Amino acid sequence: MTPAQVISSDPEVQGGAVVFAGTRVPLKNFIDYLEAGDSIEQFLEDFPSVTREQAIAALELAKDALVTLAGAH
């Protein structure tokens, strides 16, 4: 999946927060679930407009960003 298929940001949607593409579900909600110890499955059950592929791809994007950031130091 391309980043545009995973996340988007539009001032007209959730005040410009980063959301899962095609939804109004903020990426922050997903991170909050994981931080609280909830499973990806629980998040997907609570937010059915987000696909499993999007959730996994969001984690991959975050991992890539962190690896790139760590490599820059």
PDB file of N, CA and C in Angstrom:
ATOM      1  N   MET A   1       0.841  -1.188   0.000  1.00  0.00           N
ATOM      2  CA  MET A   1       0.000   0.000   0.000  1.00  0.00           C
ATOM      3  C   MET A   1       0.883   1.248   0.000  1.00  0.00           C
ATOM      4  N   THR A   2       0.444   2.243  -0.721  1.00  0.00           N
ATOM      5  CA  THR A   2       1.163   3.514  -0.710  1.00  0.00           C
ATOM      6  C   THR A   2       0.756   4.301   0.537  1.00  0.00           C
ATOM      7  N   PRO A   3       1.608   5.232   0.977  1.00  0.00           N
ATOM      8  CA  PRO A   3       1.222   6.038   2.140  1.00  0.00           C
ATOM      9  C   PRO A   3      -0.144   6.710   1.966  1.00  0.00           C
ATOM     10  N   ALA A   4      -0.473   7.146   0.754  1.00  0.00           N
ATOM     11  CA  ALA A   4      -1.758   7.796   0.505  1.00  0.00           C
ATOM     12  C   ALA A   4      -2.939   6.840   0.678  1.00  0.00           C
ATOM     13  N   GLN A   5      -2.697   5.544   0.561  1.00  0.00           N
ATOM     14  CA  GLN A   5      -3.752   4.554   0.784  1.00  0.00           C
ATOM     15  C   GLN A   5      -3.900   4.221   2.263  1.00  0.00           C
ATOM     16  N   VAL A   6      -2.927   4.651   3.049  1.00  0.00           N
ATOM     17  CA  VAL A   6      -2.907   4.318   4.473  1.00  0.00           C
ATOM     18  C   VAL A   6      -3.377   5.484   5.333  1.00  0.00           C
ATOM     19  N   ILE A   7      -2.799   6.650   5.132  1.00  0.00           N
ATOM     20  CA  ILE A   7      -3.109   7.806   5.961  1.00  0.00           C
ATOM     21  C   ILE A   7      -3.358   9.037   5.099  1.00  0.00           C
ATOM     22  N   SER A   8      -4.050   9.999   5.679  1.00  0.00           N
ATOM     23  CA  SER A   8      -4.264  11.275   4.999  1.00  0.00           C
ATOM     24  C   SER A   8      -4.451  12.352   6.052  1.00  0.00           C
ATOM     25  N   SER A   9      -4.355  13.583   5.602  1.00  0.00           N
ATOM     26  CA  SER A   9      -4.587  14.727   6.468  1.00  0.00           C
ATOM     27  C   SER A   9      -5.255  15.807   5.632  1.00  0.00           C
ATOM     28  N   ASP A  10      -6.388  16.273   6.108  1.00  0.00           N
ATOM     29  CA  ASP A  10      -7.162  17.277   5.392  1.00  0.00           C
ATOM     30  C   ASP A  10      -7.772  18.200   6.444  1.00  0.00           C
ATOM     31  N   PRO A  11      -7.601  19.504   6.293  1.00  0.00           N
ATOM     32  CA  PRO A  11      -8.159  20.420   7.284  1.00  0.00           C
ATOM     33  C   PRO A  11      -9.674  20.263   7.477  1.00  0.00           C
ATOM     34  N   GLU A  12     -10.351  19.704   6.483  1.00  0.00           N
ATOM     35  CA  GLU A  12     -11.800  19.512   6.563  1.00  0.00           C
ATOM     36  C   GLU A  12     -12.190  18.226   7.301  1.00  0.00           C
ATOM     37  N   VAL A  13     -11.210  17.382   7.593  1.00  0.00           N
ATOM     38  CA  VAL A  13     -11.482  16.105   8.264  1.00  0.00           C
ATOM     39  C   VAL A  13     -10.732  16.079   9.595  1.00  0.00           C
ATOM     40  N   GLN A  14     -11.474  16.011  10.671  1.00  0.00           N
ATOM     41  CA  GLN A  14     -10.908  15.956  12.022  1.00  0.00           C
ATOM     42  C   GLN A  14      -9.888  17.069  12.265  1.00  0.00           C
ATOM     43  N   GLY A  15     -10.164  18.247  11.714  1.00  0.00           N
ATOM     44  CA  GLY A  15      -9.301  19.403  11.949  1.00  0.00           C
ATOM     45  C   GLY A  15      -7.890  19.257  11.415  1.00  0.00           C
ATOM     46  N   GLY A  16      -7.706  18.382  10.428  1.00  0.00           N
ATOM     47  CA  GLY A  16      -6.385  18.198   9.829  1.00  0.00           C
ATOM     48  C   GLY A  16      -5.540  17.132  10.499  1.00  0.00           C
ATOM     49  N   ALA A  17      -6.099  16.436  11.484  1.00  0.00           N
ATOM     50  CA  ALA A  17      -5.360  15.348  12.136  1.00  0.00           C
ATOM     51  C   ALA A  17      -5.059  14.256  11.111  1.00  0.00           C
ATOM     52  N   VAL A  18      -3.997  13.513  11.337  1.00  0.00           N
ATOM     53  CA  VAL A  18      -3.679  12.385  10.471  1.00  0.00           C
ATOM     54  C   VAL A  18      -4.698  11.282  10.764  1.00  0.00           C
ATOM     55  N   VAL A  19      -5.394  10.862   9.716  1.00  0.00           N
ATOM     56  CA  VAL A  19      -6.422   9.827   9.836  1.00  0.00           C
ATOM     57  C   VAL A  19      -6.108   8.685   8.877  1.00  0.00           C
ATOM     58  N   PHE A  20      -6.741   7.565   9.103  1.00  0.00           N
ATOM     59  CA  PHE A  20      -6.649   6.478   8.134  1.00  0.00           C
ATOM     60  C   PHE A  20      -7.375   6.928   6.873  1.00  0.00           C
ATOM     61  N   ALA A  21      -6.756   6.753   5.737  1.00  0.00           N
ATOM     62  CA  ALA A  21      -7.307   7.207   4.456  1.00  0.00           C
ATOM     63  C   ALA A  21      -8.711   6.657   4.248  1.00  0.00           C
ATOM     64  N   GLY A  22      -9.593   7.546   3.810  1.00  0.00           N
ATOM     65  CA  GLY A  22     -10.973   7.154   3.529  1.00  0.00           C
ATOM     66  C   GLY A  22     -11.848   7.037   4.758  1.00  0.00           C
ATOM     67  N   THR A  23     -11.309   7.434   5.926  1.00  0.00           N
ATOM     68  CA  THR A  23     -12.072   7.361   7.176  1.00  0.00           C
ATOM     69  C   THR A  23     -11.931   8.683   7.918  1.00  0.00           C
ATOM     70  N   ARG A  24     -12.583   8.753   9.052  1.00  0.00           N
ATOM     71  CA  ARG A  24     -12.408   9.881   9.967  1.00  0.00           C
ATOM     72  C   ARG A  24     -11.714   9.407  11.244  1.00  0.00           C
ATOM     73  N   VAL A  25     -11.080   8.248  11.185  1.00  0.00           N
ATOM     74  CA  VAL A  25     -10.443   7.639  12.358  1.00  0.00           C
ATOM     75  C   VAL A  25      -9.003   8.128  12.469  1.00  0.00           C
ATOM     76  N   PRO A  26      -8.697   8.904  13.517  1.00  0.00           N
ATOM     77  CA  PRO A  26      -7.330   9.391  13.684  1.00  0.00           C
ATOM     78  C   PRO A  26      -6.338   8.252  13.947  1.00  0.00           C
ATOM     79  N   LEU A  27      -5.168   8.393  13.365  1.00  0.00           N
ATOM     80  CA  LEU A  27      -4.099   7.430  13.605  1.00  0.00           C
ATOM     81  C   LEU A  27      -3.765   7.381  15.090  1.00  0.00           C
ATOM     82  N   LYS A  28      -3.899   8.515  15.756  1.00  0.00           N
ATOM     83  CA  LYS A  28      -3.626   8.575  17.198  1.00  0.00           C
ATOM     84  C   LYS A  28      -4.487   7.576  17.974  1.00  0.00           C
ATOM     85  N   ASN A  29      -5.719   7.373  17.542  1.00  0.00           N
ATOM     86  CA  ASN A  29      -6.575   6.393  18.218  1.00  0.00           C
ATOM     87  C   ASN A  29      -5.935   5.005  18.191  1.00  0.00           C
ATOM     88  N   PHE A  30      -5.381   4.644  17.047  1.00  0.00           N
ATOM     89  CA  PHE A  30      -4.732   3.338  16.890  1.00  0.00           C
ATOM     90  C   PHE A  30      -3.542   3.229  17.840  1.00  0.00           C
ATOM     91  N   ILE A  31      -2.713   4.263  17.864  1.00  0.00           N
ATOM     92  CA  ILE A  31      -1.553   4.256  18.752  1.00  0.00           C
ATOM     93  C   ILE A  31      -2.000   4.178  20.209  1.00  0.00           C
ATOM     94  N   ASP A  32      -3.045   4.913  20.561  1.00  0.00           N
ATOM     95  CA  ASP A  32      -3.573   4.870  21.924  1.00  0.00           C
ATOM     96  C   ASP A  32      -4.029   3.465  22.299  1.00  0.00           C
ATOM     97  N   TYR A  33      -4.691   2.779  21.390  1.00  0.00           N
ATOM     98  CA  TYR A  33      -5.121   1.400  21.647  1.00  0.00           C
ATOM     99  C   TYR A  33      -3.919   0.511  21.930  1.00  0.00           C
ATOM    100  N   LEU A  34      -2.910   0.607  21.073  1.00  0.00           N
ATOM    101  CA  LEU A  34      -1.735  -0.236  21.247  1.00  0.00           C
ATOM    102  C   LEU A  34      -1.011   0.087  22.553  1.00  0.00           C
ATOM    103  N   GLU A  35      -0.909   1.369  22.884  1.00  0.00           N
ATOM    104  CA  GLU A  35      -0.262   1.779  24.140  1.00  0.00           C
ATOM    105  C   GLU A  35      -1.008   1.226  25.351  1.00  0.00           C
ATOM    106  N   ALA A  36      -2.316   1.120  25.244  1.00  0.00           N
ATOM    107  CA  ALA A  36      -3.135   0.620  26.343  1.00  0.00           C
ATOM    108  C   ALA A  36      -3.098  -0.899  26.453  1.00  0.00           C
ATOM    109  N   GLY A  37      -2.425  -1.546  25.490  1.00  0.00           N
ATOM    110  CA  GLY A  37      -2.336  -3.004  25.520  1.00  0.00           C
ATOM    111  C   GLY A  37      -3.435  -3.709  24.749  1.00  0.00           C
ATOM    112  N   ASP A  38      -4.255  -2.939  24.050  1.00  0.00           N
ATOM    113  CA  ASP A  38      -5.313  -3.548  23.242  1.00  0.00           C
ATOM    114  C   ASP A  38      -4.713  -4.137  21.972  1.00  0.00           C
ATOM    115  N   SER A  39      -5.365  -5.113  21.424  1.00  0.00           N
ATOM    116  CA  SER A  39      -4.886  -5.774  20.209  1.00  0.00           C
ATOM    117  C   SER A  39      -5.324  -5.006  18.966  1.00  0.00           C
ATOM    118  N   ILE A  40      -4.644  -5.288  17.876  1.00  0.00           N
ATOM    119  CA  ILE A  40      -5.056  -4.722  16.589  1.00  0.00           C
ATOM    120  C   ILE A  40      -6.489  -5.168  16.297  1.00  0.00           C
ATOM    121  N   GLU A  41      -6.801  -6.420  16.611  1.00  0.00           N
ATOM    122  CA  GLU A  41      -8.140  -6.944  16.354  1.00  0.00           C
ATOM    123  C   GLU A  41      -9.200  -6.146  17.107  1.00  0.00           C
ATOM    124  N   GLN A  42      -8.905  -5.773  18.363  1.00  0.00           N
ATOM    125  CA  GLN A  42      -9.866  -4.980  19.138  1.00  0.00           C
ATOM    126  C   GLN A  42     -10.080  -3.618  18.491  1.00  0.00           C
ATOM    127  N   PHE A  43      -8.980  -2.982  18.062  1.00  0.00           N
ATOM    128  CA  PHE A  43      -9.095  -1.697  17.382  1.00  0.00           C
ATOM    129  C   PHE A  43      -9.960  -1.824  16.131  1.00  0.00           C
ATOM    130  N   LEU A  44      -9.685  -2.831  15.325  1.00  0.00           N
ATOM    131  CA  LEU A  44     -10.431  -3.026  14.076  1.00  0.00           C
ATOM    132  C   LEU A  44     -11.905  -3.317  14.338  1.00  0.00           C
ATOM    133  N   GLU A  45     -12.173  -4.014  15.418  1.00  0.00           N
ATOM    134  CA  GLU A  45     -13.567  -4.290  15.784  1.00  0.00           C
ATOM    135  C   GLU A  45     -14.280  -2.992  16.164  1.00  0.00           C
ATOM    136  N   ASP A  46     -13.578  -2.115  16.869  1.00  0.00           N
ATOM    137  CA  ASP A  46     -14.176  -0.853  17.309  1.00  0.00           C
ATOM    138  C   ASP A  46     -14.233   0.193  16.198  1.00  0.00           C
ATOM    139  N   PHE A  47     -13.352   0.057  15.194  1.00  0.00           N
ATOM    140  CA  PHE A  47     -13.307   1.003  14.077  1.00  0.00           C
ATOM    141  C   PHE A  47     -13.338   0.226  12.755  1.00  0.00           C
ATOM    142  N   PRO A  48     -14.495  -0.315  12.394  1.00  0.00           N
ATOM    143  CA  PRO A  48     -14.591  -1.187  11.219  1.00  0.00           C
ATOM    144  C   PRO A  48     -14.315  -0.513   9.880  1.00  0.00           C
ATOM    145  N   SER A  49     -14.257   0.808   9.852  1.00  0.00           N
ATOM    146  CA  SER A  49     -13.943   1.479   8.581  1.00  0.00           C
ATOM    147  C   SER A  49     -12.457   1.398   8.244  1.00  0.00           C
ATOM    148  N   VAL A  50     -11.639   1.010   9.217  1.00  0.00           N
ATOM    149  CA  VAL A  50     -10.202   0.827   8.988  1.00  0.00           C
ATOM    150  C   VAL A  50      -9.967  -0.637   8.640  1.00  0.00           C
ATOM    151  N   THR A  51      -9.186  -0.882   7.588  1.00  0.00           N
ATOM    152  CA  THR A  51      -8.891  -2.265   7.214  1.00  0.00           C
ATOM    153  C   THR A  51      -7.658  -2.761   7.955  1.00  0.00           C
ATOM    154  N   ARG A  52      -7.569  -4.064   8.079  1.00  0.00           N
ATOM    155  CA  ARG A  52      -6.384  -4.659   8.700  1.00  0.00           C
ATOM    156  C   ARG A  52      -5.137  -4.271   7.911  1.00  0.00           C
ATOM    157  N   GLU A  53      -5.250  -4.232   6.589  1.00  0.00           N
ATOM    158  CA  GLU A  53      -4.112  -3.867   5.747  1.00  0.00           C
ATOM    159  C   GLU A  53      -3.647  -2.451   6.054  1.00  0.00           C
ATOM    160  N   GLN A  54      -4.594  -1.537   6.272  1.00  0.00           N
ATOM    161  CA  GLN A  54      -4.224  -0.167   6.627  1.00  0.00           C
ATOM    162  C   GLN A  54      -3.522  -0.119   7.978  1.00  0.00           C
ATOM    163  N   ALA A  55      -4.032  -0.853   8.947  1.00  0.00           N
ATOM    164  CA  ALA A  55      -3.431  -0.844  10.281  1.00  0.00           C
ATOM    165  C   ALA A  55      -1.993  -1.366  10.233  1.00  0.00           C
ATOM    166  N   ILE A  56      -1.779  -2.480   9.546  1.00  0.00           N
ATOM    167  CA  ILE A  56      -0.434  -3.049   9.442  1.00  0.00           C
ATOM    168  C   ILE A  56       0.476  -2.105   8.664  1.00  0.00           C
ATOM    169  N   ALA A  57      -0.041  -1.525   7.589  1.00  0.00           N
ATOM    170  CA  ALA A  57       0.757  -0.598   6.785  1.00  0.00           C
ATOM    171  C   ALA A  57       1.124   0.645   7.599  1.00  0.00           C
ATOM    172  N   ALA A  58       0.230   1.111   8.466  1.00  0.00           N
ATOM    173  CA  ALA A  58       0.542   2.262   9.320  1.00  0.00           C
ATOM    174  C   ALA A  58       1.695   1.934  10.251  1.00  0.00           C
ATOM    175  N   LEU A  59       1.691   0.737  10.803  1.00  0.00           N
ATOM    176  CA  LEU A  59       2.810   0.318  11.655  1.00  0.00           C
ATOM    177  C   LEU A  59       4.106   0.244  10.859  1.00  0.00           C
ATOM    178  N   GLU A  60       4.027  -0.244   9.645  1.00  0.00           N
ATOM    179  CA  GLU A  60       5.218  -0.319   8.795  1.00  0.00           C
ATOM    180  C   GLU A  60       5.743   1.076   8.454  1.00  0.00           C
ATOM    181  N   LEU A  61       4.843   2.016   8.173  1.00  0.00           N
ATOM    182  CA  LEU A  61       5.261   3.391   7.902  1.00  0.00           C
ATOM    183  C   LEU A  61       5.947   3.996   9.125  1.00  0.00           C
ATOM    184  N   ALA A  62       5.370   3.757  10.291  1.00  0.00           N
ATOM    185  CA  ALA A  62       5.973   4.280  11.522  1.00  0.00           C
ATOM    186  C   ALA A  62       7.352   3.652  11.760  1.00  0.00           C
ATOM    187  N   LYS A  63       7.459   2.368  11.528  1.00  0.00           N
ATOM    188  CA  LYS A  63       8.750   1.690  11.693  1.00  0.00           C
ATOM    189  C   LYS A  63       9.783   2.266  10.743  1.00  0.00           C
ATOM    190  N   ASP A  64       9.406   2.431   9.486  1.00  0.00           N
ATOM    191  CA  ASP A  64      10.328   2.982   8.494  1.00  0.00           C
ATOM    192  C   ASP A  64      10.773   4.387   8.884  1.00  0.00           C
ATOM    193  N   ALA A  65       9.832   5.194   9.375  1.00  0.00           N
ATOM    194  CA  ALA A  65      10.172   6.568   9.784  1.00  0.00           C
ATOM    195  C   ALA A  65      11.147   6.553  10.960  1.00  0.00           C
ATOM    196  N   LEU A  66      10.934   5.658  11.909  1.00  0.00           N
ATOM    197  CA  LEU A  66      11.824   5.584  13.067  1.00  0.00           C
ATOM    198  C   LEU A  66      13.204   5.069  12.684  1.00  0.00           C
ATOM    199  N   VAL A  67      13.262   4.087  11.804  1.00  0.00           N
ATOM    200  CA  VAL A  67      14.542   3.556  11.348  1.00  0.00           C
ATOM    201  C   VAL A  67      15.303   4.631  10.598  1.00  0.00           C
ATOM    202  N   THR A  68      14.610   5.384   9.759  1.00  0.00           N
ATOM    203  CA  THR A  68      15.246   6.463   9.011  1.00  0.00           C
ATOM    204  C   THR A  68      15.766   7.534   9.963  1.00  0.00           C
ATOM    205  N   LEU A  69      14.958   7.886  10.960  1.00  0.00           N
ATOM    206  CA  LEU A  69      15.351   8.879  11.938  1.00  0.00           C
ATOM    207  C   LEU A  69      16.561   8.408  12.736  1.00  0.00           C
ATOM    208  N   ALA A  70      16.561   7.151  13.150  1.00  0.00           N
ATOM    209  CA  ALA A  70      17.681   6.611  13.929  1.00  0.00           C
ATOM    210  C   ALA A  70      18.940   6.558  13.080  1.00  0.00           C
ATOM    211  N   GLY A  71      18.797   6.288  11.798  1.00  0.00           N
ATOM    212  CA  GLY A  71      19.948   6.222  10.902  1.00  0.00           C
ATOM    213  C   GLY A  71      20.549   7.585  10.631  1.00  0.00           C
ATOM    214  N   ALA A  72      19.768   8.641  10.859  1.00  0.00           N
ATOM    215  CA  ALA A  72      20.253   9.995  10.608  1.00  0.00           C
ATOM    216  C   ALA A  72      21.146  10.489  11.743  1.00  0.00           C
ATOM    217  N   HIS A  73      21.198   9.759  12.826  1.00  0.00           N
ATOM    218  CA  HIS A  73      22.011  10.195  13.982  1.00  0.00           C
ATOM    219  C   HIS A  73      23.289   9.435  14.065  1.00  0.00           C
TER     220      HIS A  73
END
